[in-house]
Amino acid sequence: MSIPDYQKIMLPLLEFAADGKDHTLREAVERLGDKFKLTPEEKKEMLPSGGQARFDNRVHWSRSYLKQAGLVENPARGTFRITDEGRKVLAKKPGQIDIKLLMQFEKFIEFKNRTRVDHQVAVVANEAEGQKTPKELLEENHQKLRNELAVELLDTVKSASPAFFEHLVVELLVKMGYGGSRKEAGRVVGGSGDQGIDGIINEDRLGLDVIYLQAKRWANDVNDAEIRNFVGSLAGHKASRGVFITTSTFTKKAIEYVAKIPQKVILIDGDRLAQLMIEHGVGVSPVATYEVKKVDADYFSED
């Protein structure tokens, strides 16, 4: 069974609380996960940010909406229980509890009016369909924007000169934490007589070990022959570690080859290159920042 949307969780969640006891959200997640017969993989499926399990997030929003409608309450920090209004709803034996049903309660209408802003039509429509929680929508739209940026960024990298590309990959690895400062960490050595090596970067700030780089601003796939040549260059420098970066992709044979050799060679294709550039701020600049906050339950603890 696939992970249910947050509206399908509302009725089972209220039924779970029908015993009148105080429950934690973790208890609810575990019980409902079993009720919906979720697989271990479905229970562990994360939101795009990796910050929370998708099912946990949906149970959280279901509980939050039931609370805004007055069907459950928080008797103490970290717990919830059913209210008299919630019992009345269950007594009517509804087929489901969704946004449409919650809109019958004045408290929930007030909540929606407080949270509604301009240009939210698409989000409200999606909520009404019960597809995704607001946090899911935010994260997935952020991921969509990031993916679109990655495509544009890679196209821009492909249009740069080979010399600029070689400098770019050294800059990226420095931003990723290799070697300390740009001046002391790495240098570009590409050009005639480079012996198959385009750059050298210190693995640590003291330069106790170095990593050799090969950068290919190519449109065609990089095959195993190119990787073999690079590994041969590493051997010529008595090196055991290398990074091969391309704007294209690697063939299956190339990937299989690096898995078998004693040298540690990392392959970075165009898609991963663009994502790393975005993550470490190379060739991109921020346009806007949105900070998402939550209530700090510890702050309000009066123990």
C-alpha atoms as a PDB file:
ATOM      1  CA  MET A   1       0.000   0.000   0.000  1.00  0.00           C
ATOM      2  CA  SER A   2       1.308   3.472  -0.845  1.00  0.00           C
ATOM      3  CA  ILE A   3       1.703   6.162   1.800  1.00  0.00           C
ATOM      4  CA  PRO A   4      -1.749   7.691   2.430  1.00  0.00           C
ATOM      5  CA  ASP A   5      -2.200  11.442   2.046  1.00  0.00           C
ATOM      6  CA  TYR A   6      -2.643  13.483   5.199  1.00  0.00           C
ATOM      7  CA  GLN A   7      -6.434  13.752   4.850  1.00  0.00           C
ATOM      8  CA  LYS A   8      -6.840   9.971   4.702  1.00  0.00           C
ATOM      9  CA  ILE A   9      -4.907   9.815   7.965  1.00  0.00           C
ATOM     10  CA  MET A  10      -7.258  12.169   9.850  1.00  0.00           C
ATOM     11  CA  LEU A  11     -10.066   9.692  10.627  1.00  0.00           C
ATOM     12  CA  PRO A  12      -7.782   6.804  11.715  1.00  0.00           C
ATOM     13  CA  LEU A  13      -5.809   9.288  13.832  1.00  0.00           C
ATOM     14  CA  LEU A  14      -8.948  10.541  15.584  1.00  0.00           C
ATOM     15  CA  GLU A  15     -10.103   6.943  16.087  1.00  0.00           C
ATOM     16  CA  PHE A  16      -6.702   6.153  17.593  1.00  0.00           C
ATOM     17  CA  ALA A  17      -7.263   8.948  20.119  1.00  0.00           C
ATOM     18  CA  ALA A  18     -10.820   7.818  20.876  1.00  0.00           C
ATOM     19  CA  ASP A  19      -9.690   5.986  24.031  1.00  0.00           C
ATOM     20  CA  GLY A  20      -9.386   9.385  25.722  1.00  0.00           C
ATOM     21  CA  LYS A  21      -5.790   8.808  26.773  1.00  0.00           C
ATOM     22  CA  ASP A  22      -2.884  11.151  26.184  1.00  0.00           C
ATOM     23  CA  HIS A  23      -0.774   9.993  23.220  1.00  0.00           C
ATOM     24  CA  THR A  24       2.482  11.097  21.646  1.00  0.00           C
ATOM     25  CA  LEU A  25       2.895  11.672  17.948  1.00  0.00           C
ATOM     26  CA  ARG A  26       5.448   8.848  17.834  1.00  0.00           C
ATOM     27  CA  GLU A  27       2.838   6.435  19.189  1.00  0.00           C
ATOM     28  CA  ALA A  28       0.414   7.575  16.513  1.00  0.00           C
ATOM     29  CA  VAL A  29       2.974   7.192  13.743  1.00  0.00           C
ATOM     30  CA  GLU A  30       3.808   3.649  14.792  1.00  0.00           C
ATOM     31  CA  ARG A  31       0.186   2.558  15.230  1.00  0.00           C
ATOM     32  CA  LEU A  32      -1.048   4.110  12.003  1.00  0.00           C
ATOM     33  CA  GLY A  33       1.937   2.805  10.068  1.00  0.00           C
ATOM     34  CA  ASP A  34       0.834  -0.693  11.031  1.00  0.00           C
ATOM     35  CA  LYS A  35      -2.826   0.084  10.336  1.00  0.00           C
ATOM     36  CA  PHE A  36      -2.035   1.222   6.796  1.00  0.00           C
ATOM     37  CA  LYS A  37       0.280  -1.800   6.386  1.00  0.00           C
ATOM     38  CA  LEU A  38       3.202   0.323   5.292  1.00  0.00           C
ATOM     39  CA  THR A  39       6.406  -1.472   4.397  1.00  0.00           C
ATOM     40  CA  PRO A  40       9.645  -0.658   6.266  1.00  0.00           C
ATOM     41  CA  GLU A  41      10.779   1.207   3.135  1.00  0.00           C
ATOM     42  CA  GLU A  42       7.576   3.301   3.041  1.00  0.00           C
ATOM     43  CA  LYS A  43       7.939   4.145   6.730  1.00  0.00           C
ATOM     44  CA  LYS A  44      11.494   5.337   6.115  1.00  0.00           C
ATOM     45  CA  GLU A  45      10.770   7.283   2.899  1.00  0.00           C
ATOM     46  CA  MET A  46      12.078  10.807   3.415  1.00  0.00           C
ATOM     47  CA  LEU A  47      10.962  14.218   2.206  1.00  0.00           C
ATOM     48  CA  PRO A  48      13.228  15.734  -0.475  1.00  0.00           C
ATOM     49  CA  SER A  49      15.218  17.610   2.163  1.00  0.00           C
ATOM     50  CA  GLY A  50      15.932  14.405   4.066  1.00  0.00           C
ATOM     51  CA  GLY A  51      14.894  16.156   7.264  1.00  0.00           C
ATOM     52  CA  GLN A  52      11.803  14.090   8.078  1.00  0.00           C
ATOM     53  CA  ALA A  53      10.079  10.867   7.064  1.00  0.00           C
ATOM     54  CA  ARG A  54       7.188  11.536   4.668  1.00  0.00           C
ATOM     55  CA  PHE A  55       4.662   9.496   6.680  1.00  0.00           C
ATOM     56  CA  ASP A  56       5.701  11.168   9.953  1.00  0.00           C
ATOM     57  CA  ASN A  57       5.174  14.546   8.299  1.00  0.00           C
ATOM     58  CA  ARG A  58       1.687  13.614   7.122  1.00  0.00           C
ATOM     59  CA  VAL A  59       0.644  12.328  10.550  1.00  0.00           C
ATOM     60  CA  HIS A  60       1.967  15.578  12.043  1.00  0.00           C
ATOM     61  CA  TRP A  61      -0.141  17.703   9.677  1.00  0.00           C
ATOM     62  CA  SER A  62      -3.218  15.534  10.245  1.00  0.00           C
ATOM     63  CA  ARG A  63      -2.883  16.043  13.996  1.00  0.00           C
ATOM     64  CA  SER A  64      -2.286  19.765  13.498  1.00  0.00           C
ATOM     65  CA  TYR A  65      -5.420  20.220  11.388  1.00  0.00           C
ATOM     66  CA  LEU A  66      -7.560  18.182  13.784  1.00  0.00           C
ATOM     67  CA  LYS A  67      -6.313  20.416  16.578  1.00  0.00           C
ATOM     68  CA  GLN A  68      -7.120  23.608  14.623  1.00  0.00           C
ATOM     69  CA  ALA A  69     -10.677  22.319  14.197  1.00  0.00           C
ATOM     70  CA  GLY A  70     -10.933  21.584  17.921  1.00  0.00           C
ATOM     71  CA  LEU A  71     -11.198  17.798  17.547  1.00  0.00           C
ATOM     72  CA  VAL A  72      -8.015  17.106  19.517  1.00  0.00           C
ATOM     73  CA  GLU A  73      -6.089  19.148  22.070  1.00  0.00           C
ATOM     74  CA  ASN A  74      -2.617  19.222  23.598  1.00  0.00           C
ATOM     75  CA  PRO A  75      -2.960  18.544  27.348  1.00  0.00           C
ATOM     76  CA  ALA A  76       0.814  18.630  27.854  1.00  0.00           C
ATOM     77  CA  ARG A  77       3.959  19.230  25.864  1.00  0.00           C
ATOM     78  CA  GLY A  78       4.401  16.568  23.188  1.00  0.00           C
ATOM     79  CA  THR A  79       1.017  14.859  23.701  1.00  0.00           C
ATOM     80  CA  PHE A  80      -2.506  15.071  22.315  1.00  0.00           C
ATOM     81  CA  ARG A  81      -5.954  13.654  23.153  1.00  0.00           C
ATOM     82  CA  ILE A  82      -9.454  13.721  21.757  1.00  0.00           C
ATOM     83  CA  THR A  83     -11.927  16.469  22.709  1.00  0.00           C
ATOM     84  CA  ASP A  84     -15.692  16.302  23.238  1.00  0.00           C
ATOM     85  CA  GLU A  85     -16.081  17.819  19.763  1.00  0.00           C
ATOM     86  CA  GLY A  86     -13.910  15.054  18.372  1.00  0.00           C
ATOM     87  CA  ARG A  87     -16.096  12.413  20.029  1.00  0.00           C
ATOM     88  CA  LYS A  88     -19.196  14.002  18.451  1.00  0.00           C
ATOM     89  CA  VAL A  89     -17.595  13.708  15.026  1.00  0.00           C
ATOM     90  CA  LEU A  90     -16.788  10.013  15.538  1.00  0.00           C
ATOM     91  CA  ALA A  91     -20.327   9.369  16.834  1.00  0.00           C
ATOM     92  CA  LYS A  92     -21.635  10.413  13.411  1.00  0.00           C
ATOM     93  CA  LYS A  93     -19.489   7.623  11.864  1.00  0.00           C
ATOM     94  CA  PRO A  94     -18.087   9.701   8.970  1.00  0.00           C
ATOM     95  CA  GLY A  95     -16.679   7.863   5.969  1.00  0.00           C
ATOM     96  CA  GLN A  96     -13.655  10.134   6.134  1.00  0.00           C
ATOM     97  CA  ILE A  97     -12.421  13.340   7.693  1.00  0.00           C
ATOM     98  CA  ASP A  98     -11.040  15.850   5.218  1.00  0.00           C
ATOM     99  CA  ILE A  99     -10.627  19.580   4.734  1.00  0.00           C
ATOM    100  CA  LYS A 100     -14.220  19.875   3.545  1.00  0.00           C
ATOM    101  CA  LEU A 101     -15.518  18.371   6.798  1.00  0.00           C
ATOM    102  CA  LEU A 102     -13.171  20.486   8.937  1.00  0.00           C
ATOM    103  CA  MET A 103     -14.482  23.628   7.234  1.00  0.00           C
ATOM    104  CA  GLN A 104     -17.723  23.025   9.148  1.00  0.00           C
ATOM    105  CA  PHE A 105     -15.959  24.185  12.308  1.00  0.00           C
ATOM    106  CA  GLU A 106     -15.608  27.896  13.005  1.00  0.00           C
ATOM    107  CA  LYS A 107     -12.184  27.400  14.610  1.00  0.00           C
ATOM    108  CA  PHE A 108     -10.827  25.807  11.456  1.00  0.00           C
ATOM    109  CA  ILE A 109     -12.306  28.504   9.213  1.00  0.00           C
ATOM    110  CA  GLU A 110     -10.607  31.142  11.366  1.00  0.00           C
ATOM    111  CA  PHE A 111      -7.350  29.210  11.130  1.00  0.00           C
ATOM    112  CA  LYS A 112      -7.550  29.039   7.326  1.00  0.00           C
ATOM    113  CA  ASN A 113      -8.329  32.731   7.095  1.00  0.00           C
ATOM    114  CA  ARG A 114      -5.329  33.563   9.281  1.00  0.00           C
ATOM    115  CA  THR A 115      -2.960  31.489   7.193  1.00  0.00           C
ATOM    116  CA  ARG A 116      -4.263  32.348   3.715  1.00  0.00           C
ATOM    117  CA  VAL A 117      -2.123  34.791   1.713  1.00  0.00           C
ATOM    118  CA  ASP A 118      -2.204  36.173  -1.803  1.00  0.00           C
ATOM    119  CA  HIS A 119      -1.033  33.917  -4.653  1.00  0.00           C
ATOM    120  CA  GLN A 120      -1.843  30.762  -2.675  1.00  0.00           C
ATOM    121  CA  VAL A 121      -4.491  29.416  -5.035  1.00  0.00           C
ATOM    122  CA  ALA A 122      -2.409  26.478  -6.246  1.00  0.00           C
ATOM    123  CA  VAL A 123      -1.456  25.431  -2.731  1.00  0.00           C
ATOM    124  CA  VAL A 124      -5.031  25.629  -1.417  1.00  0.00           C
ATOM    125  CA  ALA A 125      -6.298  23.602  -4.380  1.00  0.00           C
ATOM    126  CA  ASN A 126      -3.724  20.906  -3.741  1.00  0.00           C
ATOM    127  CA  GLU A 127      -4.610  20.810  -0.054  1.00  0.00           C
ATOM    128  CA  ALA A 128      -8.268  20.439  -0.946  1.00  0.00           C
ATOM    129  CA  GLU A 129      -7.424  17.371  -2.990  1.00  0.00           C
ATOM    130  CA  GLY A 130      -5.546  15.962  -0.015  1.00  0.00           C
ATOM    131  CA  GLN A 131      -2.427  15.241  -1.993  1.00  0.00           C
ATOM    132  CA  LYS A 132       0.398  16.754   0.006  1.00  0.00           C
ATOM    133  CA  THR A 133       1.107  18.666   3.183  1.00  0.00           C
ATOM    134  CA  PRO A 134       2.256  22.304   2.991  1.00  0.00           C
ATOM    135  CA  LYS A 135       5.773  21.231   3.981  1.00  0.00           C
ATOM    136  CA  GLU A 136       5.850  18.625   1.224  1.00  0.00           C
ATOM    137  CA  LEU A 137       4.701  21.203  -1.301  1.00  0.00           C
ATOM    138  CA  LEU A 138       7.362  23.654  -0.147  1.00  0.00           C
ATOM    139  CA  GLU A 139      10.162  21.102  -0.301  1.00  0.00           C
ATOM    140  CA  GLU A 140       9.113  19.581  -3.607  1.00  0.00           C
ATOM    141  CA  ASN A 141       8.737  22.991  -5.256  1.00  0.00           C
ATOM    142  CA  HIS A 142      12.157  23.929  -3.893  1.00  0.00           C
ATOM    143  CA  GLN A 143      13.563  20.730  -5.386  1.00  0.00           C
ATOM    144  CA  LYS A 144      11.889  21.515  -8.709  1.00  0.00           C
ATOM    145  CA  LEU A 145      13.485  24.977  -8.772  1.00  0.00           C
ATOM    146  CA  ARG A 146      16.840  23.434  -7.884  1.00  0.00           C
ATOM    147  CA  ASN A 147      16.571  20.865 -10.676  1.00  0.00           C
ATOM    148  CA  GLU A 148      15.695  23.578 -13.183  1.00  0.00           C
ATOM    149  CA  LEU A 149      18.679  25.600 -11.970  1.00  0.00           C
ATOM    150  CA  ALA A 150      20.937  22.549 -12.351  1.00  0.00           C
ATOM    151  CA  VAL A 151      19.938  22.158 -16.010  1.00  0.00           C
ATOM    152  CA  GLU A 152      20.587  25.838 -16.729  1.00  0.00           C
ATOM    153  CA  LEU A 153      23.872  25.746 -14.804  1.00  0.00           C
ATOM    154  CA  LEU A 154      25.177  22.704 -16.662  1.00  0.00           C
ATOM    155  CA  ASP A 155      24.333  24.294 -20.016  1.00  0.00           C
ATOM    156  CA  THR A 156      26.307  27.365 -18.950  1.00  0.00           C
ATOM    157  CA  VAL A 157      29.287  25.241 -17.880  1.00  0.00           C
ATOM    158  CA  LYS A 158      29.258  23.441 -21.222  1.00  0.00           C
ATOM    159  CA  SER A 159      29.506  26.776 -23.030  1.00  0.00           C
ATOM    160  CA  ALA A 160      32.603  27.812 -21.049  1.00  0.00           C
ATOM    161  CA  SER A 161      36.131  27.285 -22.365  1.00  0.00           C
ATOM    162  CA  PRO A 162      38.070  24.135 -21.413  1.00  0.00           C
ATOM    163  CA  ALA A 163      40.565  26.257 -19.453  1.00  0.00           C
ATOM    164  CA  PHE A 164      37.764  27.921 -17.461  1.00  0.00           C
ATOM    165  CA  PHE A 165      36.213  24.511 -16.766  1.00  0.00           C
ATOM    166  CA  GLU A 166      39.494  23.228 -15.333  1.00  0.00           C
ATOM    167  CA  HIS A 167      39.673  26.210 -12.986  1.00  0.00           C
ATOM    168  CA  LEU A 168      36.032  25.659 -12.048  1.00  0.00           C
ATOM    169  CA  VAL A 169      36.516  22.074 -10.869  1.00  0.00           C
ATOM    170  CA  VAL A 170      39.481  23.055  -8.690  1.00  0.00           C
ATOM    171  CA  GLU A 171      37.400  25.896  -7.230  1.00  0.00           C
ATOM    172  CA  LEU A 172      34.563  23.461  -6.506  1.00  0.00           C
ATOM    173  CA  LEU A 173      36.758  21.024  -4.611  1.00  0.00           C
ATOM    174  CA  VAL A 174      38.232  23.864  -2.572  1.00  0.00           C
ATOM    175  CA  LYS A 175      34.689  24.971  -1.671  1.00  0.00           C
ATOM    176  CA  MET A 176      33.984  21.367  -0.671  1.00  0.00           C
ATOM    177  CA  GLY A 177      36.679  21.651   1.978  1.00  0.00           C
ATOM    178  CA  TYR A 178      39.814  20.259   0.389  1.00  0.00           C
ATOM    179  CA  GLY A 179      43.097  21.923   1.309  1.00  0.00           C
ATOM    180  CA  GLY A 180      41.909  25.088   3.033  1.00  0.00           C
ATOM    181  CA  SER A 181      42.300  28.299   0.993  1.00  0.00           C
ATOM    182  CA  ARG A 182      42.157  28.522  -2.795  1.00  0.00           C
ATOM    183  CA  LYS A 183      45.797  29.667  -2.930  1.00  0.00           C
ATOM    184  CA  GLU A 184      47.239  26.796  -0.930  1.00  0.00           C
ATOM    185  CA  ALA A 185      44.800  24.054  -1.868  1.00  0.00           C
ATOM    186  CA  GLY A 186      44.978  23.425  -5.582  1.00  0.00           C
ATOM    187  CA  ARG A 187      46.280  24.403  -8.950  1.00  0.00           C
ATOM    188  CA  VAL A 188      45.467  23.789 -12.593  1.00  0.00           C
ATOM    189  CA  VAL A 189      48.117  22.037 -14.639  1.00  0.00           C
ATOM    190  CA  GLY A 190      46.146  21.266 -17.796  1.00  0.00           C
ATOM    191  CA  GLY A 191      47.626  21.940 -21.213  1.00  0.00           C
ATOM    192  CA  SER A 192      50.193  20.341 -23.454  1.00  0.00           C
ATOM    193  CA  GLY A 193      52.394  17.886 -21.599  1.00  0.00           C
ATOM    194  CA  ASP A 194      50.003  17.585 -18.661  1.00  0.00           C
ATOM    195  CA  GLN A 195      50.289  13.760 -18.779  1.00  0.00           C
ATOM    196  CA  GLY A 196      46.548  13.276 -18.455  1.00  0.00           C
ATOM    197  CA  ILE A 197      46.238  15.432 -15.315  1.00  0.00           C
ATOM    198  CA  ASP A 198      44.286  18.710 -15.361  1.00  0.00           C
ATOM    199  CA  GLY A 199      44.574  19.715 -11.721  1.00  0.00           C
ATOM    200  CA  ILE A 200      46.127  18.896  -8.391  1.00  0.00           C
ATOM    201  CA  ILE A 201      44.487  19.585  -5.057  1.00  0.00           C
ATOM    202  CA  ASN A 202      45.646  18.947  -1.506  1.00  0.00           C
ATOM    203  CA  GLU A 203      43.476  16.528   0.398  1.00  0.00           C
ATOM    204  CA  ASP A 204      44.321  18.350   3.625  1.00  0.00           C
ATOM    205  CA  ARG A 205      45.524  21.826   4.488  1.00  0.00           C
ATOM    206  CA  LEU A 206      49.107  20.684   5.131  1.00  0.00           C
ATOM    207  CA  GLY A 207      49.361  18.947   1.795  1.00  0.00           C
ATOM    208  CA  LEU A 208      50.163  15.546   3.307  1.00  0.00           C
ATOM    209  CA  ASP A 209      48.368  13.910   0.384  1.00  0.00           C
ATOM    210  CA  VAL A 210      47.152  15.140  -2.986  1.00  0.00           C
ATOM    211  CA  ILE A 211      44.279  14.308  -5.297  1.00  0.00           C
ATOM    212  CA  TYR A 212      44.717  14.458  -9.058  1.00  0.00           C
ATOM    213  CA  LEU A 213      41.938  15.785 -11.242  1.00  0.00           C
ATOM    214  CA  GLN A 214      40.826  15.167 -14.806  1.00  0.00           C
ATOM    215  CA  ALA A 215      38.199  17.527 -16.216  1.00  0.00           C
ATOM    216  CA  LYS A 216      36.420  16.860 -19.512  1.00  0.00           C
ATOM    217  CA  ARG A 217      34.007  19.437 -20.892  1.00  0.00           C
ATOM    218  CA  TRP A 218      32.500  16.896 -23.262  1.00  0.00           C
ATOM    219  CA  ALA A 219      29.184  16.190 -24.919  1.00  0.00           C
ATOM    220  CA  ASN A 220      29.969  12.503 -25.534  1.00  0.00           C
ATOM    221  CA  ASP A 221      30.007   9.841 -22.821  1.00  0.00           C
ATOM    222  CA  VAL A 222      33.322   9.100 -21.134  1.00  0.00           C
ATOM    223  CA  ASN A 223      34.236   5.473 -21.787  1.00  0.00           C
ATOM    224  CA  ASP A 224      36.450   3.055 -19.881  1.00  0.00           C
ATOM    225  CA  ALA A 225      39.426   3.753 -22.169  1.00  0.00           C
ATOM    226  CA  GLU A 226      39.545   7.352 -20.941  1.00  0.00           C
ATOM    227  CA  ILE A 227      39.375   6.189 -17.346  1.00  0.00           C
ATOM    228  CA  ARG A 228      42.155   3.662 -17.957  1.00  0.00           C
ATOM    229  CA  ASN A 229      44.340   6.443 -19.345  1.00  0.00           C
ATOM    230  CA  PHE A 230      43.635   8.562 -16.275  1.00  0.00           C
ATOM    231  CA  VAL A 231      44.471   5.694 -13.936  1.00  0.00           C
ATOM    232  CA  GLY A 232      47.696   5.190 -15.887  1.00  0.00           C
ATOM    233  CA  SER A 233      48.527   8.854 -15.300  1.00  0.00           C
ATOM    234  CA  LEU A 234      47.915   8.385 -11.596  1.00  0.00           C
ATOM    235  CA  ALA A 235      50.356   5.499 -11.576  1.00  0.00           C
ATOM    236  CA  GLY A 236      52.920   7.674 -13.346  1.00  0.00           C
ATOM    237  CA  HIS A 237      52.652  10.182 -10.511  1.00  0.00           C
ATOM    238  CA  LYS A 238      52.685   7.399  -7.893  1.00  0.00           C
ATOM    239  CA  ALA A 239      49.237   8.587  -6.854  1.00  0.00           C
ATOM    240  CA  SER A 240      46.407   6.483  -5.445  1.00  0.00           C
ATOM    241  CA  ARG A 241      43.500   8.942  -5.582  1.00  0.00           C
ATOM    242  CA  GLY A 242      41.846  10.826  -8.381  1.00  0.00           C
ATOM    243  CA  VAL A 243      38.646  12.575  -9.378  1.00  0.00           C
ATOM    244  CA  PHE A 244      37.372  12.465 -12.958  1.00  0.00           C
ATOM    245  CA  ILE A 245      34.792  15.151 -13.713  1.00  0.00           C
ATOM    246  CA  THR A 246      32.823  15.524 -16.923  1.00  0.00           C
ATOM    247  CA  THR A 247      29.910  17.598 -18.160  1.00  0.00           C
ATOM    248  CA  SER A 248      28.492  14.479 -19.845  1.00  0.00           C
ATOM    249  CA  THR A 249      28.061  10.969 -18.422  1.00  0.00           C
ATOM    250  CA  PHE A 250      30.115   7.809 -17.908  1.00  0.00           C
ATOM    251  CA  THR A 251      29.514   4.550 -19.727  1.00  0.00           C
ATOM    252  CA  LYS A 252      28.569   1.444 -17.765  1.00  0.00           C
ATOM    253  CA  LYS A 253      31.983  -0.073 -18.486  1.00  0.00           C
ATOM    254  CA  ALA A 254      33.724   3.002 -17.106  1.00  0.00           C
ATOM    255  CA  ILE A 255      31.744   2.792 -13.879  1.00  0.00           C
ATOM    256  CA  GLU A 256      32.389  -0.929 -13.553  1.00  0.00           C
ATOM    257  CA  TYR A 257      36.114  -0.428 -14.187  1.00  0.00           C
ATOM    258  CA  VAL A 258      36.668   2.013 -11.301  1.00  0.00           C
ATOM    259  CA  ALA A 259      34.884  -0.392  -8.951  1.00  0.00           C
ATOM    260  CA  LYS A 260      37.552  -3.050  -9.587  1.00  0.00           C
ATOM    261  CA  ILE A 261      40.822  -1.110  -9.437  1.00  0.00           C
ATOM    262  CA  PRO A 262      42.932  -0.603  -6.278  1.00  0.00           C
ATOM    263  CA  GLN A 263      43.162   3.164  -6.828  1.00  0.00           C
ATOM    264  CA  LYS A 264      40.374   5.307  -5.405  1.00  0.00           C
ATOM    265  CA  VAL A 265      38.843   7.112  -8.369  1.00  0.00           C
ATOM    266  CA  ILE A 266      35.649   9.154  -8.013  1.00  0.00           C
ATOM    267  CA  LEU A 267      33.520   9.798 -11.101  1.00  0.00           C
ATOM    268  CA  ILE A 268      31.420  12.965 -11.202  1.00  0.00           C
ATOM    269  CA  ASP A 269      29.084  13.332 -14.169  1.00  0.00           C
ATOM    270  CA  GLY A 270      27.359  16.496 -15.374  1.00  0.00           C
ATOM    271  CA  ASP A 271      24.225  16.105 -13.244  1.00  0.00           C
ATOM    272  CA  ARG A 272      26.173  15.551 -10.052  1.00  0.00           C
ATOM    273  CA  LEU A 273      28.578  18.364 -10.945  1.00  0.00           C
ATOM    274  CA  ALA A 274      25.700  20.836 -11.246  1.00  0.00           C
ATOM    275  CA  GLN A 275      24.180  19.721  -7.935  1.00  0.00           C
ATOM    276  CA  LEU A 276      27.539  20.049  -6.163  1.00  0.00           C
ATOM    277  CA  MET A 277      28.016  23.529  -7.606  1.00  0.00           C
ATOM    278  CA  ILE A 278      24.608  24.575  -6.291  1.00  0.00           C
ATOM    279  CA  GLU A 279      25.218  22.993  -2.895  1.00  0.00           C
ATOM    280  CA  HIS A 280      28.587  24.716  -2.442  1.00  0.00           C
ATOM    281  CA  GLY A 281      27.750  28.043  -4.082  1.00  0.00           C
ATOM    282  CA  VAL A 282      29.971  27.836  -7.154  1.00  0.00           C
ATOM    283  CA  GLY A 283      28.643  29.761 -10.159  1.00  0.00           C
ATOM    284  CA  VAL A 284      25.330  30.547  -8.444  1.00  0.00           C
ATOM    285  CA  SER A 285      24.038  33.284  -6.160  1.00  0.00           C
ATOM    286  CA  PRO A 286      21.010  33.369  -3.835  1.00  0.00           C
ATOM    287  CA  VAL A 287      17.878  35.185  -4.953  1.00  0.00           C
ATOM    288  CA  ALA A 288      15.695  34.754  -1.861  1.00  0.00           C
ATOM    289  CA  THR A 289      15.771  32.957   1.482  1.00  0.00           C
ATOM    290  CA  TYR A 290      12.724  31.529   3.222  1.00  0.00           C
ATOM    291  CA  GLU A 291      13.127  30.467   6.850  1.00  0.00           C
ATOM    292  CA  VAL A 292      10.635  27.891   8.119  1.00  0.00           C
ATOM    293  CA  LYS A 293      10.152  27.842  11.880  1.00  0.00           C
ATOM    294  CA  LYS A 294       8.154  25.753  14.340  1.00  0.00           C
ATOM    295  CA  VAL A 295       6.948  26.243  17.894  1.00  0.00           C
ATOM    296  CA  ASP A 296       9.693  25.538  20.445  1.00  0.00           C
ATOM    297  CA  ALA A 297       7.863  23.297  22.904  1.00  0.00           C
ATOM    298  CA  ASP A 298      10.783  23.371  25.361  1.00  0.00           C
ATOM    299  CA  TYR A 299      10.481  27.158  25.650  1.00  0.00           C
ATOM    300  CA  PHE A 300       6.921  26.876  26.911  1.00  0.00           C
ATOM    301  CA  SER A 301       7.648  24.070  29.383  1.00  0.00           C
ATOM    302  CA  GLU A 302       6.848  25.199  32.913  1.00  0.00           C
ATOM    303  CA  ASP A 303       8.324  22.169  34.661  1.00  0.00           C
END
